[in-house]
Protein backbone atom coordinates (compact mmCIF):
# COMPACT_ATOMS: atom_id res chain seq x y z
CA MET A 1 281.87 163.03 -57.93
CA SER A 2 279.17 165.68 -58.33
CA ALA A 3 276.36 165.94 -55.81
CA PRO A 4 273.12 164.19 -56.77
CA ALA A 5 270.44 166.33 -58.35
CA PRO A 6 267.69 167.32 -55.92
CA SER A 7 264.71 164.99 -56.06
CA PRO A 8 261.69 166.34 -57.93
CA LEU A 9 259.50 164.92 -55.16
CA ALA A 10 258.14 167.12 -52.39
CA ILE A 11 257.40 166.07 -48.81
CA VAL A 12 254.06 167.69 -47.98
CA ASP A 13 252.03 168.16 -44.78
CA ALA A 14 254.42 166.05 -42.73
CA GLU A 15 256.03 166.90 -39.42
CA PRO A 16 259.81 166.30 -39.44
CA LEU A 17 260.76 162.97 -37.84
CA PRO A 18 263.91 162.04 -35.91
CA ARG A 19 266.55 160.62 -38.30
CA GLN A 20 264.28 160.95 -41.35
CA GLU A 21 267.25 162.29 -43.32
CA GLU A 22 268.77 158.78 -43.16
CA VAL A 23 265.80 157.40 -45.12
CA LEU A 24 264.69 160.37 -47.23
CA THR A 25 268.06 161.05 -48.85
CA ASP A 26 268.28 162.91 -52.16
CA THR A 27 269.48 159.78 -53.92
CA ALA A 28 266.75 157.56 -52.46
CA LEU A 29 264.03 160.06 -53.34
CA ALA A 30 265.45 160.46 -56.85
CA PHE A 31 265.09 156.69 -57.27
CA VAL A 32 261.50 156.75 -56.01
CA ALA A 33 260.77 159.68 -58.35
CA GLU A 34 262.06 157.68 -61.31
CA LEU A 35 259.91 154.68 -60.32
CA HIS A 36 256.93 157.03 -60.15
CA ARG A 37 257.68 158.62 -63.54
CA ARG A 38 258.09 155.29 -65.28
CA PHE A 39 255.44 153.10 -63.67
CA THR A 40 252.59 155.15 -62.17
CA PRO A 41 250.86 155.69 -65.55
CA ARG A 42 250.67 151.91 -66.03
CA ARG A 43 249.49 151.50 -62.45
CA ASP A 44 246.65 153.92 -63.22
CA GLU A 45 245.68 151.98 -66.36
CA LEU A 46 245.58 148.72 -64.41
CA LEU A 47 243.39 150.24 -61.68
CA ALA A 48 240.97 151.33 -64.41
CA ARG A 49 241.04 147.79 -65.79
CA ARG A 50 240.01 146.48 -62.35
CA ALA A 51 236.85 148.55 -62.54
CA GLU A 52 236.08 147.25 -66.05
CA ARG A 53 236.53 143.68 -64.92
CA ARG A 54 234.30 144.23 -61.89
CA ALA A 55 231.59 145.54 -64.21
CA GLU A 56 231.90 142.42 -66.34
CA ILE A 57 231.55 140.18 -63.27
CA ALA A 58 228.47 142.18 -62.23
CA ARG A 59 226.99 141.47 -65.66
CA THR A 60 227.78 137.74 -65.79
CA SER A 61 228.17 136.57 -62.14
CA ALA A 62 230.91 134.31 -63.47
CA LEU A 63 234.68 133.94 -63.77
CA ASP A 64 236.81 131.56 -65.80
CA PHE A 65 240.42 130.77 -66.48
CA PRO A 66 241.40 133.30 -69.19
CA PRO A 67 241.28 131.78 -72.69
CA GLU A 68 243.87 134.26 -73.99
CA THR A 69 246.54 132.79 -71.67
CA ALA A 70 245.69 129.11 -72.19
CA ALA A 71 249.03 128.51 -73.92
CA ILE A 72 250.94 129.55 -70.79
CA ARG A 73 248.95 127.11 -68.67
CA ALA A 74 249.36 124.31 -71.22
CA ASP A 75 253.13 124.73 -71.58
CA ASP A 76 254.74 122.36 -69.06
CA SER A 77 258.29 123.45 -69.90
CA TRP A 78 258.62 126.64 -67.91
CA LYS A 79 259.50 126.96 -64.21
CA VAL A 80 260.22 129.86 -61.89
CA ALA A 81 263.83 130.55 -60.96
CA PRO A 82 265.27 128.27 -58.26
CA ALA A 83 264.84 129.63 -54.74
CA PRO A 84 267.87 131.36 -53.22
CA PRO A 85 269.30 129.56 -50.16
CA ALA A 86 267.68 132.05 -47.74
CA LEU A 87 264.22 131.17 -49.10
CA GLU A 88 264.57 127.41 -49.55
CA ASP A 89 263.07 126.62 -46.14
CA ARG A 90 260.00 128.69 -45.29
CA ARG A 91 258.15 126.24 -43.06
CA VAL A 92 257.06 128.90 -40.56
CA GLU A 93 256.67 132.60 -41.28
CA ILE A 94 255.72 135.24 -38.73
CA THR A 95 253.92 138.42 -39.78
CA GLY A 96 253.79 141.86 -38.26
CA PRO A 97 254.36 145.60 -38.64
CA THR A 98 257.81 147.17 -38.74
CA ASP A 99 257.74 148.98 -35.40
CA ARG A 100 260.92 148.66 -33.36
CA LYS A 101 259.74 146.06 -30.85
CA MET A 102 258.15 143.83 -33.51
CA THR A 103 261.27 144.07 -35.67
CA VAL A 104 263.46 142.66 -32.91
CA ASN A 105 260.93 140.07 -31.71
CA ALA A 106 260.06 138.81 -35.19
CA LEU A 107 263.70 138.44 -36.22
CA ASN A 108 264.38 136.58 -32.96
CA SER A 109 261.18 134.48 -33.07
CA GLY A 110 262.63 131.24 -34.43
CA ALA A 111 260.50 131.53 -37.56
CA LYS A 112 262.27 131.01 -40.88
CA VAL A 113 260.78 134.18 -42.39
CA TRP A 114 259.42 137.47 -41.09
CA LEU A 115 256.85 139.24 -43.26
CA ALA A 116 257.79 142.83 -42.47
CA ASP A 117 254.53 144.58 -43.18
CA PHE A 118 253.94 148.08 -44.55
CA GLU A 119 250.50 146.98 -45.72
CA ASP A 120 247.50 145.56 -43.82
CA ALA A 121 249.25 145.30 -40.44
CA SER A 122 250.45 148.92 -40.60
CA ALA A 123 248.34 152.07 -40.58
CA PRO A 124 250.16 154.29 -43.12
CA THR A 125 250.95 157.33 -41.00
CA TRP A 126 254.05 159.13 -42.25
CA GLU A 127 255.78 158.16 -39.01
CA ASN A 128 255.02 154.46 -39.57
CA VAL A 129 256.16 154.63 -43.19
CA VAL A 130 259.50 156.34 -42.46
CA THR A 131 260.42 154.83 -39.09
CA GLY A 132 259.52 151.37 -40.38
CA GLN A 133 262.17 151.80 -43.07
CA LEU A 134 264.62 153.08 -40.47
CA ASN A 135 264.00 150.07 -38.22
CA LEU A 136 264.84 147.68 -41.05
CA ILE A 137 268.03 149.58 -41.89
CA ASP A 138 269.00 149.42 -38.20
CA ALA A 139 268.24 145.70 -38.12
CA TYR A 140 270.57 144.97 -41.03
CA THR A 141 273.34 147.10 -39.53
CA ARG A 142 272.67 145.51 -36.11
CA THR A 143 272.19 148.89 -34.49
CA ILE A 144 268.63 148.13 -33.41
CA ASP A 145 267.55 147.52 -29.85
CA PHE A 146 264.43 148.26 -27.87
CA THR A 147 263.52 148.90 -24.24
CA ASP A 148 259.85 148.61 -23.36
CA PRO A 149 258.92 151.86 -21.57
CA GLY A 150 256.29 150.04 -19.51
CA SER A 151 258.15 146.95 -18.31
CA GLY A 152 261.72 148.19 -18.71
CA LYS A 153 262.53 144.95 -20.54
CA SER A 154 265.28 145.23 -23.14
CA TYR A 155 265.33 143.49 -26.51
CA ALA A 156 268.37 142.89 -28.74
CA LEU A 157 269.07 140.79 -31.82
CA ARG A 158 270.32 137.23 -31.62
CA PRO A 159 273.32 136.13 -33.72
CA GLU A 160 272.85 136.64 -37.47
CA GLU A 161 272.44 132.93 -38.29
CA GLU A 162 269.49 132.66 -35.87
CA LEU A 163 267.48 135.51 -37.40
CA ALA A 164 264.46 135.13 -39.65
CA THR A 165 264.83 136.07 -43.32
CA VAL A 166 262.92 139.27 -44.05
CA VAL A 167 260.28 139.40 -46.79
CA THR A 168 258.87 142.92 -46.97
CA ARG A 169 255.27 143.67 -47.95
CA PRO A 170 254.69 147.09 -49.56
CA ARG A 171 251.26 148.65 -49.83
CA GLY A 172 248.87 147.54 -52.58
CA TRP A 173 248.68 149.26 -55.97
CA HIS A 174 245.48 151.13 -55.04
CA LEU A 175 246.96 153.19 -52.18
CA ASP A 176 248.77 156.51 -52.63
CA GLU A 177 251.25 158.21 -50.31
CA ARG A 178 249.85 161.69 -49.81
CA HIS A 179 253.00 163.02 -48.13
CA LEU A 180 255.19 162.46 -51.20
CA THR A 181 254.16 164.24 -54.39
CA ASP A 182 255.62 165.09 -57.79
CA PRO A 183 255.82 168.65 -59.21
CA ASP A 184 252.23 168.35 -60.47
CA GLY A 185 251.05 167.57 -56.95
CA THR A 186 250.32 163.94 -57.85
CA PRO A 187 250.99 161.58 -54.93
CA VAL A 188 253.39 158.68 -55.46
CA PRO A 189 251.79 155.20 -55.13
CA GLY A 190 252.45 153.83 -51.65
CA ALA A 191 253.71 150.58 -53.23
CA LEU A 192 256.52 152.42 -55.02
CA VAL A 193 257.42 154.41 -51.89
CA ASP A 194 257.66 151.30 -49.70
CA PHE A 195 259.44 149.21 -52.32
CA GLY A 196 261.70 152.02 -53.49
CA LEU A 197 263.00 153.17 -50.12
CA TYR A 198 263.54 149.61 -48.90
CA PHE A 199 265.23 148.42 -52.07
CA PHE A 200 267.45 151.48 -52.43
CA HIS A 201 268.77 151.38 -48.88
CA ASN A 202 269.02 147.64 -48.35
CA ALA A 203 269.50 145.67 -51.57
CA LYS A 204 273.32 145.71 -51.55
CA ARG A 205 273.45 145.36 -47.78
CA LEU A 206 271.27 142.23 -47.96
CA ILE A 207 273.40 140.73 -50.72
CA ASP A 208 276.44 141.17 -48.46
CA LEU A 209 274.53 139.26 -45.75
CA GLY A 210 273.97 136.34 -48.15
CA LYS A 211 270.31 137.23 -48.67
CA GLY A 212 268.51 139.65 -50.93
CA PRO A 213 265.62 142.08 -51.31
CA TYR A 214 262.59 139.81 -50.99
CA PHE A 215 258.97 140.97 -51.23
CA TYR A 216 255.39 139.90 -50.66
CA LEU A 217 253.05 141.45 -53.25
CA PRO A 218 249.53 142.13 -51.90
CA LYS A 219 246.09 142.68 -53.44
CA THR A 220 247.18 141.54 -56.92
CA GLU A 221 244.15 141.12 -59.16
CA SER A 222 245.68 139.96 -62.45
CA HIS A 223 248.83 138.69 -64.14
CA LEU A 224 249.17 142.12 -65.78
CA GLU A 225 249.65 143.65 -62.33
CA ALA A 226 252.29 141.03 -61.59
CA GLY A 227 253.93 141.94 -64.89
CA LEU A 228 254.10 145.57 -63.79
CA TRP A 229 255.90 144.50 -60.62
CA ASN A 230 258.31 142.43 -62.71
CA ASP A 231 259.19 145.48 -64.81
CA VAL A 232 259.73 147.49 -61.60
CA PHE A 233 262.16 144.80 -60.39
CA VAL A 234 264.08 144.70 -63.68
CA PHE A 235 264.48 148.47 -63.73
CA ALA A 236 265.42 148.70 -60.03
CA GLN A 237 268.13 146.03 -60.32
CA ASP A 238 269.65 147.78 -63.35
CA TYR A 239 269.47 151.15 -61.56
CA LEU A 240 271.51 149.88 -58.61
CA GLY A 241 273.73 147.64 -60.73
CA ILE A 242 272.83 144.38 -59.04
CA PRO A 243 272.26 141.09 -60.89
CA GLN A 244 268.88 140.41 -62.46
CA GLY A 245 266.99 137.80 -60.44
CA THR A 246 268.30 139.08 -57.09
CA VAL A 247 264.81 140.31 -56.19
CA ARG A 248 262.35 137.57 -55.23
CA ALA A 249 258.61 138.02 -54.86
CA THR A 250 255.89 135.93 -53.27
CA VAL A 251 252.41 136.89 -54.46
CA LEU A 252 249.43 136.78 -52.14
CA ILE A 253 246.54 135.12 -53.94
CA GLU A 254 244.01 137.04 -51.90
CA THR A 255 241.64 138.15 -54.64
CA ILE A 256 239.19 135.90 -56.45
CA THR A 257 240.31 137.15 -59.86
CA ALA A 258 243.95 136.26 -59.14
CA ALA A 259 242.88 132.72 -58.23
CA TYR A 260 242.05 132.20 -61.91
CA GLU A 261 245.47 133.47 -63.02
CA MET A 262 247.94 131.80 -60.65
CA GLU A 263 250.05 130.23 -63.38
CA GLU A 264 250.10 133.44 -65.40
CA ILE A 265 251.16 135.43 -62.32
CA LEU A 266 254.08 133.08 -61.76
CA TYR A 267 254.93 133.24 -65.46
CA GLU A 268 255.08 137.05 -65.49
CA LEU A 269 257.40 137.00 -62.48
CA ARG A 270 259.23 133.77 -63.34
CA ASP A 271 262.76 135.19 -62.99
CA HIS A 272 261.81 136.82 -59.70
CA ALA A 273 259.05 134.56 -58.34
CA SER A 274 259.50 132.52 -55.19
CA GLY A 275 255.96 131.45 -54.37
CA LEU A 276 252.29 132.11 -53.82
CA ASN A 277 250.42 132.54 -50.54
CA ALA A 278 246.83 131.63 -49.63
CA GLY A 279 245.23 134.41 -47.56
CA ARG A 280 241.75 134.04 -46.09
CA TRP A 281 240.01 137.28 -45.09
CA ASP A 282 241.04 139.36 -48.11
CA TYR A 283 240.08 136.46 -50.37
CA LEU A 284 236.58 136.33 -48.89
CA PHE A 285 236.37 140.14 -49.01
CA SER A 286 237.25 139.95 -52.71
CA ILE A 287 234.48 137.41 -53.36
CA VAL A 288 231.92 139.68 -51.70
CA LYS A 289 233.24 142.74 -53.54
CA ASN A 290 233.24 141.14 -56.98
CA PHE A 291 230.00 139.15 -56.69
CA ARG A 292 227.99 141.63 -54.64
CA ASP A 293 225.35 141.77 -57.38
CA GLY A 294 225.19 137.98 -57.68
CA GLY A 295 222.29 137.34 -55.36
CA GLU A 296 221.77 134.74 -52.69
CA LYS A 297 224.14 132.11 -54.09
CA PHE A 298 227.12 134.36 -53.24
CA VAL A 299 226.04 135.33 -49.71
CA LEU A 300 228.67 134.31 -47.17
CA PRO A 301 227.76 133.19 -43.65
CA ASP A 302 229.54 134.53 -40.52
CA ARG A 303 233.22 134.98 -41.37
CA ASN A 304 234.34 132.53 -38.68
CA ALA A 305 232.07 129.85 -40.20
CA VAL A 306 234.00 129.99 -43.50
CA THR A 307 236.94 127.77 -42.66
CA MET A 308 239.64 126.57 -45.01
CA THR A 309 237.86 123.20 -45.20
CA ALA A 310 234.86 124.73 -47.03
CA SER A 311 234.75 123.18 -50.50
CA PHE A 312 235.35 126.41 -52.44
CA MET A 313 238.22 127.37 -50.11
CA ARG A 314 239.68 123.90 -50.46
CA ALA A 315 239.51 124.19 -54.24
CA TYR A 316 241.47 127.44 -53.98
CA THR A 317 244.18 126.15 -51.66
CA GLU A 318 244.66 122.83 -53.44
CA LEU A 319 244.88 124.57 -56.82
CA LEU A 320 247.47 126.91 -55.32
CA VAL A 321 249.65 124.02 -54.09
CA ARG A 322 249.38 122.19 -57.40
CA THR A 323 250.17 125.36 -59.40
CA CYS A 324 253.17 126.29 -57.29
CA HIS A 325 254.74 122.84 -57.31
CA LYS A 326 254.13 122.35 -61.02
CA ARG A 327 256.17 125.51 -61.59
CA GLY A 328 258.84 125.00 -58.91
CA ALA A 329 257.52 127.67 -56.53
CA HIS A 330 256.80 127.57 -52.79
CA ALA A 331 253.19 127.28 -51.63
CA ILE A 332 252.68 129.19 -48.37
CA GLY A 333 249.58 128.67 -46.26
CA GLY A 334 247.37 131.02 -44.30
CA MET A 335 247.44 132.81 -40.98
CA ALA A 336 247.10 131.43 -37.47
CA ALA A 337 245.89 134.66 -35.89
CA PHE A 338 245.39 133.47 -32.31
CA ILE A 339 247.05 135.59 -29.61
CA PRO A 340 247.85 133.49 -26.52
CA SER A 341 246.27 134.64 -23.27
CA ARG A 342 248.55 135.30 -20.29
CA ARG A 343 245.59 134.65 -17.97
CA ASP A 344 243.49 131.82 -19.38
CA ALA A 345 245.25 128.50 -19.92
CA GLU A 346 242.04 126.82 -21.07
CA VAL A 347 241.55 129.36 -23.88
CA ASN A 348 245.13 128.68 -24.96
CA LYS A 349 244.68 124.92 -24.89
CA VAL A 350 241.60 124.97 -27.13
CA ALA A 351 243.12 127.52 -29.51
CA PHE A 352 246.47 125.73 -29.78
CA GLU A 353 244.64 122.54 -30.78
CA LYS A 354 242.81 124.43 -33.53
CA VAL A 355 246.08 125.96 -34.75
CA ARG A 356 247.76 122.56 -34.71
CA ALA A 357 244.93 120.97 -36.71
CA ASP A 358 245.04 123.82 -39.23
CA LYS A 359 248.82 123.56 -39.72
CA ASP A 360 248.68 119.75 -39.88
CA ARG A 361 246.13 120.05 -42.68
CA GLU A 362 248.28 122.51 -44.61
CA ALA A 363 251.44 120.42 -44.24
CA ASN A 364 249.57 117.26 -45.27
CA ASP A 365 248.04 119.05 -48.28
CA GLY A 366 251.49 119.89 -49.61
CA PHE A 367 252.10 123.44 -48.42
CA ASP A 368 255.76 124.29 -47.87
CA GLY A 369 255.11 126.66 -44.99
CA SER A 370 252.53 128.77 -43.21
CA TRP A 371 251.94 131.99 -41.28
CA VAL A 372 251.57 132.77 -37.58
CA ALA A 373 250.86 136.11 -35.91
CA HIS A 374 252.57 135.53 -32.55
CA PRO A 375 255.99 134.13 -31.52
CA ASP A 376 254.33 131.60 -29.16
CA LEU A 377 252.74 129.92 -32.20
CA VAL A 378 256.05 129.41 -34.02
CA PRO A 379 256.85 126.09 -32.29
CA VAL A 380 253.27 124.84 -32.78
CA ALA A 381 253.39 125.43 -36.54
CA MET A 382 257.00 124.25 -36.73
CA GLU A 383 256.03 120.91 -35.22
CA SER A 384 253.32 120.36 -37.86
CA PHE A 385 255.70 121.05 -40.74
CA ASP A 386 258.65 119.24 -39.17
CA ARG A 387 256.51 116.11 -38.96
CA VAL A 388 255.88 116.17 -42.71
CA LEU A 389 259.09 117.72 -44.02
CA GLY A 390 261.66 116.23 -41.69
CA ASP A 391 265.08 117.47 -42.84
CA ARG A 392 263.83 118.53 -46.27
CA PRO A 393 263.51 122.31 -46.76
CA ASN A 394 260.18 122.02 -48.60
CA GLN A 395 257.94 119.53 -50.42
CA LYS A 396 257.89 121.05 -53.89
CA ASP A 397 258.36 117.54 -55.26
CA ARG A 398 254.73 116.78 -54.23
CA LEU A 399 253.05 117.73 -57.47
CA ARG A 400 249.45 117.09 -56.35
CA GLU A 401 248.48 115.83 -59.79
CA ASP A 402 245.35 114.40 -58.15
CA VAL A 403 243.94 117.93 -57.91
CA ASP A 404 241.47 118.91 -60.63
CA VAL A 405 239.76 122.22 -59.96
CA LYS A 406 237.12 123.56 -62.34
CA ALA A 407 236.34 127.25 -62.72
CA ALA A 408 232.98 126.88 -60.99
CA ASP A 409 234.54 125.17 -57.94
CA LEU A 410 236.30 128.39 -56.89
CA ILE A 411 233.04 130.34 -56.57
CA ALA A 412 230.75 127.60 -55.24
CA VAL A 413 229.91 129.70 -52.18
CA ASP A 414 226.42 128.20 -52.02
CA SER A 415 227.93 124.79 -51.21
CA LEU A 416 228.28 125.96 -47.60
CA ASP A 417 225.76 124.72 -45.06
CA ALA A 418 226.32 127.60 -42.63
CA ARG A 419 224.03 130.63 -42.71
CA PRO A 420 224.38 134.20 -41.36
CA THR A 421 223.55 134.64 -37.68
CA TYR A 422 222.71 137.52 -35.38
CA ALA A 423 225.88 136.76 -33.39
CA GLY A 424 227.84 137.02 -36.63
CA LEU A 425 226.37 140.46 -37.34
CA VAL A 426 227.26 141.62 -33.82
CA ASN A 427 230.81 140.28 -34.20
CA ALA A 428 231.27 142.03 -37.54
CA VAL A 429 230.19 145.33 -35.98
CA GLN A 430 232.30 144.83 -32.84
CA VAL A 431 235.47 143.92 -34.68
CA GLY A 432 234.92 146.58 -37.33
CA ILE A 433 234.56 149.43 -34.84
CA ARG A 434 237.39 148.25 -32.59
CA TYR A 435 239.81 147.74 -35.47
CA ILE A 436 239.04 151.03 -37.23
CA GLU A 437 239.43 152.95 -33.96
CA ALA A 438 242.92 151.52 -33.47
CA TRP A 439 243.82 152.08 -37.14
CA LEU A 440 242.90 155.76 -36.81
CA ARG A 441 245.37 155.90 -33.91
CA GLY A 442 248.09 154.54 -36.19
CA LEU A 443 247.90 150.86 -35.20
CA GLY A 444 247.48 148.34 -38.01
CA ALA A 445 247.88 145.05 -36.12
CA VAL A 446 245.41 144.86 -33.23
CA ALA A 447 244.56 142.10 -30.75
CA ILE A 448 240.75 141.81 -30.56
CA PHE A 449 239.07 138.94 -28.71
CA ASN A 450 242.35 136.95 -28.64
CA LEU A 451 242.90 137.26 -32.39
CA MET A 452 245.44 139.43 -34.19
CA GLU A 453 243.40 141.45 -36.64
CA ASP A 454 244.56 143.62 -39.53
CA ALA A 455 242.88 145.68 -42.25
CA ALA A 456 241.64 142.55 -44.04
CA THR A 457 239.50 141.82 -40.96
CA ALA A 458 237.78 145.17 -41.16
CA GLU A 459 237.27 144.72 -44.90
CA ILE A 460 235.47 141.37 -44.57
CA SER A 461 233.48 142.64 -41.57
CA ARG A 462 232.08 145.74 -43.30
CA SER A 463 231.63 143.81 -46.57
CA GLN A 464 229.49 141.19 -44.91
CA ILE A 465 227.27 143.81 -43.28
CA TRP A 466 226.86 145.48 -46.70
CA GLN A 467 226.18 142.16 -48.44
CA TRP A 468 223.64 140.96 -45.88
CA ILE A 469 221.71 144.23 -46.03
CA ASN A 470 221.67 144.36 -49.83
CA ALA A 471 220.73 140.68 -50.15
CA GLY A 472 217.92 141.01 -47.58
CA VAL A 473 219.39 138.20 -45.47
CA VAL A 474 217.20 136.75 -42.71
CA LEU A 475 219.26 135.75 -39.66
CA ASP A 476 218.92 132.71 -37.42
CA ASN A 477 216.74 134.69 -34.99
CA GLY A 478 214.26 135.59 -37.75
CA GLU A 479 215.38 139.22 -38.11
CA ARG A 480 216.06 140.61 -41.56
CA VAL A 481 219.35 142.50 -41.85
CA THR A 482 218.58 146.14 -42.59
CA ALA A 483 220.43 149.43 -42.27
CA GLU A 484 218.31 150.12 -39.19
CA LEU A 485 219.38 146.85 -37.56
CA ALA A 486 223.04 147.55 -38.31
CA ARG A 487 222.71 151.03 -36.76
CA LYS A 488 221.03 149.55 -33.68
CA VAL A 489 223.79 146.95 -33.19
CA ALA A 490 226.48 149.60 -33.74
CA ALA A 491 224.86 151.97 -31.21
CA GLU A 492 224.72 149.17 -28.64
CA GLU A 493 228.37 148.33 -29.26
CA LEU A 494 229.41 151.96 -28.91
CA ALA A 495 227.50 152.26 -25.63
CA GLY A 496 229.12 149.03 -24.41
CA ILE A 497 232.59 150.33 -25.24
CA ARG A 498 231.85 153.61 -23.44
CA ALA A 499 230.75 151.71 -20.32
CA GLU A 500 233.74 149.37 -20.52
CA ALA A 501 236.36 152.08 -21.11
CA GLY A 502 234.95 154.89 -18.97
CA GLU A 503 234.10 158.40 -20.13
CA GLU A 504 237.66 159.76 -20.07
CA ALA A 505 239.23 156.93 -22.06
CA PHE A 506 236.27 156.85 -24.44
CA ALA A 507 236.61 160.58 -25.15
CA ALA A 508 240.37 160.19 -25.71
CA GLY A 509 239.84 157.53 -28.39
CA ASN A 510 238.39 157.65 -31.90
CA TRP A 511 235.31 155.59 -31.08
CA GLN A 512 232.56 157.77 -32.52
CA GLN A 513 234.66 158.38 -35.63
CA ALA A 514 235.28 154.64 -36.06
CA HIS A 515 231.56 153.88 -35.54
CA ASP A 516 230.58 156.47 -38.15
CA LEU A 517 233.15 155.27 -40.68
CA LEU A 518 232.14 151.63 -40.33
CA LEU A 519 228.49 152.51 -40.90
CA LYS A 520 229.37 154.73 -43.86
CA VAL A 521 231.21 151.95 -45.74
CA ALA A 522 228.72 149.28 -44.62
CA LEU A 523 225.55 151.23 -45.47
CA ASP A 524 226.41 153.41 -48.46
CA GLU A 525 224.64 152.32 -51.62
CA ASP A 526 227.90 152.73 -53.54
CA TYR A 527 230.26 150.07 -52.22
CA ALA A 528 233.72 151.51 -51.47
CA ASP A 529 236.40 149.41 -53.18
CA PHE A 530 238.64 149.61 -50.11
CA LEU A 531 237.78 150.76 -46.60
CA THR A 532 241.33 152.11 -46.25
CA LEU A 533 240.72 154.77 -48.94
CA PRO A 534 238.12 156.81 -46.99
CA ALA A 535 239.87 155.85 -43.74
CA TYR A 536 243.18 157.28 -45.01
CA GLU A 537 241.49 160.66 -45.50
CA GLN A 538 240.75 160.65 -41.73
CA LEU A 539 244.13 159.27 -40.62
CA LYS A 540 246.22 161.88 -38.84
CA GLY A 541 249.97 161.96 -39.39
């Protein structure tokens, strides 16, 4: 057999990494190059379409279920493909980045599924991108282990039948991978890098394990974007010679535009679809982003005041459950982000009760599973779903035909009683600075104030500051939110961090840089579509 042709892709501005040759093989890169050649032009067209749609929303301050796809919604005959055995029972899913320790702990957590995250919980340094792939390869070949350098504690995988099923989340369509370029110097979309390397190295290996290459698709804004993913899956399966339908995808409905196209998204992916997921922070971020010109009726209160019981959030989650079950797909609920305290039992008690109530609500509403951010929350969520499901793997037979959601219900933000507060502004600044600082150090999942935060947290935080300033919001203390007030709060937070950390630790971090970046995206007149785009330009590695 002749040697494979060298890949037309170039690795640029990247320090060599240990064992990178096991991931960045000629054959794997040739596959990624072919994905790029075939699908990046359509990706670019769909990103341009996002901007056109945003302009239309700015003009109308409205959204509706698309009339051109009414026939798909009206046709009761179609269903998504039956779930493979490894994805039948998804009652608890744990999320986290693909670093070595998390890989072992998530697989061992007792959760049914691990969302192995190359997206919001992972800062896309080249090291994180490549070693994350290597960690997953090592997990499937059972050559992974980990010894904590601080505690000396060793971690190793449990028996195969006790491990969580992996569902990998690549980056969203909008992000490029600057370290991998074609001969024209054009970077490959991060989504195709993450998907391509994972699929190429692991698809056949996973089939041998009785599972398959399963994916979570983030930041989807339309059924056309889901259709692009479907074409990627069809091509990839043919390329490796594996049966069509082996790939399965769960789509995060975390944009307001996608909420109006849930059935169409499932239809586009129907041979490869396994469910939809209801995310919270990115969904709220998307509402702010799309309706930022809509005036007072679209102003959100403090992010923590917008719970899943708010009427417009309830409309979204109940429509998701009904849509999924009508089409034979899993409905997966949102994140319990609490991080248990090793020092404060009372904090844990209160938080565990909130988590339990949240998971009880989801299970009772018809969800088939839900997310947690920490292994200690797995049994809490499991108990809520066990109580409703019993021995059944899911409750897709609960069709929720009582649900009747109108287009206006999904954007009835002004139905909320809560209003923005000064404490909410302070929290947005605090969390924004602290998260961005960690992200610039290469950390995408960060514990802040006993919550596991990811990039979606920073997005909603900076978006709310921007929205409140531009809407001239008056807070509970009588102060109007202005750029000057935001700068004052940010300066106080930076001084507080300096005092808390000490001069040496403060100087060693990225605090001033994080402060400046938060204010840039929160105060600029032109709203940045994604915080991670200007942040990526400052990310080292």
